C-alpha atoms as a PDB file:
ATOM      1  CA  UNK A   1       3.237 -27.929  -7.807  1.00  0.00           C
ATOM      2  CA  UNK A   2       2.247 -25.816  -4.681  1.00  0.00           C
ATOM      3  CA  UNK A   3       3.830 -23.352  -2.625  1.00  0.00           C
ATOM      4  CA  UNK A   4       2.411 -23.378   0.656  1.00  0.00           C
ATOM      5  CA  UNK A   5       3.749 -19.974   2.472  1.00  0.00           C
ATOM      6  CA  UNK A   6       3.051 -19.762   6.142  1.00  0.00           C
ATOM      7  CA  UNK A   7       3.597 -16.472   7.810  1.00  0.00           C
ATOM      8  CA  UNK A   8       3.571 -16.139  11.814  1.00  0.00           C
ATOM      9  CA  UNK A   9       3.288 -13.432  14.319  1.00  0.00           C
ATOM     10  CA  UNK A  10       5.303 -15.552  17.151  1.00  0.00           C
ATOM     11  CA  UNK A  11       4.773 -14.327  20.630  1.00  0.00           C
ATOM     12  CA  UNK A  12       7.551 -12.334  21.979  1.00  0.00           C
ATOM     13  CA  UNK A  13       8.260 -14.966  24.870  1.00  0.00           C
ATOM     14  CA  UNK A  14       9.403 -17.192  21.762  1.00  0.00           C
ATOM     15  CA  UNK A  15      13.206 -17.243  22.218  1.00  0.00           C
ATOM     16  CA  UNK A  16      15.668 -17.533  19.348  1.00  0.00           C
ATOM     17  CA  UNK A  17      16.539 -21.089  20.602  1.00  0.00           C
ATOM     18  CA  UNK A  18      12.500 -21.811  20.666  1.00  0.00           C
ATOM     19  CA  UNK A  19      12.038 -20.532  17.015  1.00  0.00           C
ATOM     20  CA  UNK A  20      15.140 -22.563  15.802  1.00  0.00           C
ATOM     21  CA  UNK A  21      13.441 -25.675  17.474  1.00  0.00           C
ATOM     22  CA  UNK A  22      10.228 -24.880  15.886  1.00  0.00           C
ATOM     23  CA  UNK A  23      11.895 -24.487  12.394  1.00  0.00           C
ATOM     24  CA  UNK A  24      13.868 -27.782  12.893  1.00  0.00           C
ATOM     25  CA  UNK A  25      10.552 -29.585  13.359  1.00  0.00           C
ATOM     26  CA  UNK A  26       9.072 -28.060  10.251  1.00  0.00           C
ATOM     27  CA  UNK A  27      11.775 -28.888   8.286  1.00  0.00           C
ATOM     28  CA  UNK A  28      11.794 -32.579   9.738  1.00  0.00           C
ATOM     29  CA  UNK A  29       8.579 -33.019   8.010  1.00  0.00           C
ATOM     30  CA  UNK A  30      10.437 -33.490   4.794  1.00  0.00           C
ATOM     31  CA  UNK A  31      11.741 -36.813   5.826  1.00  0.00           C
ATOM     32  CA  UNK A  32       8.500 -37.989   7.225  1.00  0.00           C
ATOM     33  CA  UNK A  33       5.695 -36.888   4.844  1.00  0.00           C
ATOM     34  CA  UNK A  34       5.831 -37.791   1.206  1.00  0.00           C
ATOM     35  CA  UNK A  35       5.260 -35.129  -1.524  1.00  0.00           C
ATOM     36  CA  UNK A  36       7.404 -32.431   0.229  1.00  0.00           C
ATOM     37  CA  UNK A  37       9.920 -31.209  -2.380  1.00  0.00           C
ATOM     38  CA  UNK A  38      11.556 -28.271  -0.316  1.00  0.00           C
ATOM     39  CA  UNK A  39      11.191 -26.323   2.776  1.00  0.00           C
ATOM     40  CA  UNK A  40      12.723 -22.997   3.602  1.00  0.00           C
ATOM     41  CA  UNK A  41      12.065 -20.756   6.416  1.00  0.00           C
ATOM     42  CA  UNK A  42      13.407 -17.274   7.994  1.00  0.00           C
ATOM     43  CA  UNK A  43      12.493 -13.904   8.866  1.00  0.00           C
ATOM     44  CA  UNK A  44      10.802 -11.332   6.543  1.00  0.00           C
ATOM     45  CA  UNK A  45      13.436  -9.479   4.836  1.00  0.00           C
ATOM     46  CA  UNK A  46      11.152  -6.910   2.804  1.00  0.00           C
ATOM     47  CA  UNK A  47      12.021  -3.298   3.259  1.00  0.00           C
ATOM     48  CA  UNK A  48       8.519  -2.147   2.654  1.00  0.00           C
ATOM     49  CA  UNK A  49       7.332  -2.556   6.195  1.00  0.00           C
ATOM     50  CA  UNK A  50       3.970  -4.183   5.171  1.00  0.00           C
ATOM     51  CA  UNK A  51       4.412  -7.580   7.107  1.00  0.00           C
ATOM     52  CA  UNK A  52       1.606  -6.804   9.522  1.00  0.00           C
ATOM     53  CA  UNK A  53       3.409  -8.293  12.394  1.00  0.00           C
ATOM     54  CA  UNK A  54       3.937 -11.332  10.533  1.00  0.00           C
ATOM     55  CA  UNK A  55       7.890 -11.243  10.676  1.00  0.00           C
ATOM     56  CA  UNK A  56       8.785 -14.839  10.486  1.00  0.00           C
ATOM     57  CA  UNK A  57       7.686 -17.663   7.976  1.00  0.00           C
ATOM     58  CA  UNK A  58       8.237 -20.827   5.994  1.00  0.00           C
ATOM     59  CA  UNK A  59       7.246 -22.154   2.570  1.00  0.00           C
ATOM     60  CA  UNK A  60       6.735 -25.573   1.554  1.00  0.00           C
ATOM     61  CA  UNK A  61       7.010 -26.502  -1.943  1.00  0.00           C
ATOM     62  CA  UNK A  62       4.732 -29.813  -2.609  1.00  0.00           C
ATOM     63  CA  UNK A  63       4.707 -31.836  -5.782  1.00  0.00           C
ATOM     64  CA  UNK A  64       1.141 -31.912  -6.373  1.00  0.00           C
ATOM     65  CA  UNK A  65      -2.108 -30.429  -4.590  1.00  0.00           C
ATOM     66  CA  UNK A  66      -2.743 -34.151  -3.539  1.00  0.00           C
ATOM     67  CA  UNK A  67       0.334 -34.225  -1.854  1.00  0.00           C
ATOM     68  CA  UNK A  68      -0.478 -30.880   0.109  1.00  0.00           C
ATOM     69  CA  UNK A  69      -3.680 -32.085   1.076  1.00  0.00           C
ATOM     70  CA  UNK A  70      -2.260 -35.360   2.506  1.00  0.00           C
ATOM     71  CA  UNK A  71       0.231 -33.341   4.406  1.00  0.00           C
ATOM     72  CA  UNK A  72      -2.548 -31.194   5.943  1.00  0.00           C
ATOM     73  CA  UNK A  73      -4.057 -34.012   7.535  1.00  0.00           C
ATOM     74  CA  UNK A  74      -0.832 -36.450   8.287  1.00  0.00           C
ATOM     75  CA  UNK A  75      -0.408 -36.805  12.167  1.00  0.00           C
ATOM     76  CA  UNK A  76       3.278 -35.250  12.279  1.00  0.00           C
ATOM     77  CA  UNK A  77       2.075 -32.161  10.474  1.00  0.00           C
ATOM     78  CA  UNK A  78      -0.931 -32.068  13.011  1.00  0.00           C
ATOM     79  CA  UNK A  79       1.447 -32.107  15.940  1.00  0.00           C
ATOM     80  CA  UNK A  80       3.948 -29.612  14.668  1.00  0.00           C
ATOM     81  CA  UNK A  81       0.789 -27.500  13.790  1.00  0.00           C
ATOM     82  CA  UNK A  82      -0.432 -27.526  16.970  1.00  0.00           C
ATOM     83  CA  UNK A  83       3.149 -26.544  18.164  1.00  0.00           C
ATOM     84  CA  UNK A  84       3.062 -23.433  15.915  1.00  0.00           C
ATOM     85  CA  UNK A  85      -0.368 -22.249  17.081  1.00  0.00           C
ATOM     86  CA  UNK A  86       0.835 -22.402  20.656  1.00  0.00           C
ATOM     87  CA  UNK A  87       3.621 -20.302  19.566  1.00  0.00           C
ATOM     88  CA  UNK A  88       1.698 -17.594  17.958  1.00  0.00           C
ATOM     89  CA  UNK A  89       0.363 -14.551  19.269  1.00  0.00           C
ATOM     90  CA  UNK A  90      -3.428 -14.957  19.190  1.00  0.00           C
ATOM     91  CA  UNK A  91      -3.103 -18.619  18.154  1.00  0.00           C
ATOM     92  CA  UNK A  92      -4.544 -19.215  14.752  1.00  0.00           C
ATOM     93  CA  UNK A  93      -4.825 -15.467  14.365  1.00  0.00           C
ATOM     94  CA  UNK A  94      -0.939 -15.287  14.387  1.00  0.00           C
ATOM     95  CA  UNK A  95      -0.910 -17.494  11.272  1.00  0.00           C
ATOM     96  CA  UNK A  96      -1.374 -16.754   7.717  1.00  0.00           C
ATOM     97  CA  UNK A  97      -1.384 -19.206   5.147  1.00  0.00           C
ATOM     98  CA  UNK A  98      -1.042 -18.700   1.384  1.00  0.00           C
ATOM     99  CA  UNK A  99      -1.028 -21.471  -1.496  1.00  0.00           C
ATOM    100  CA  UNK A 100       0.310 -20.553  -4.823  1.00  0.00           C
ATOM    101  CA  UNK A 101       0.137 -22.915  -7.884  1.00  0.00           C
ATOM    102  CA  UNK A 102       3.774 -22.864  -9.544  1.00  0.00           C
END
């Protein structure tokens, strides 16, 4: 299994409603793309203060690396990914991705 962690530095102009809509679109990918086992999202709740401005994020659990790789190029993911990039401060610079083997 792969845990695909994505941390976001959203633009200050992104409203709470915009954020909820964005995360709903991410969660909807589970029904559209095979191999997704789970999707969780939310704000960083660490008390350490080491977030570097990445205060929102989500994690997708995939059944395999192959499922993750298929997700990355899936048209629905590409569409949601473009929406994420346009919502972050600095575009791609406002996104940090970290994948773990489980």
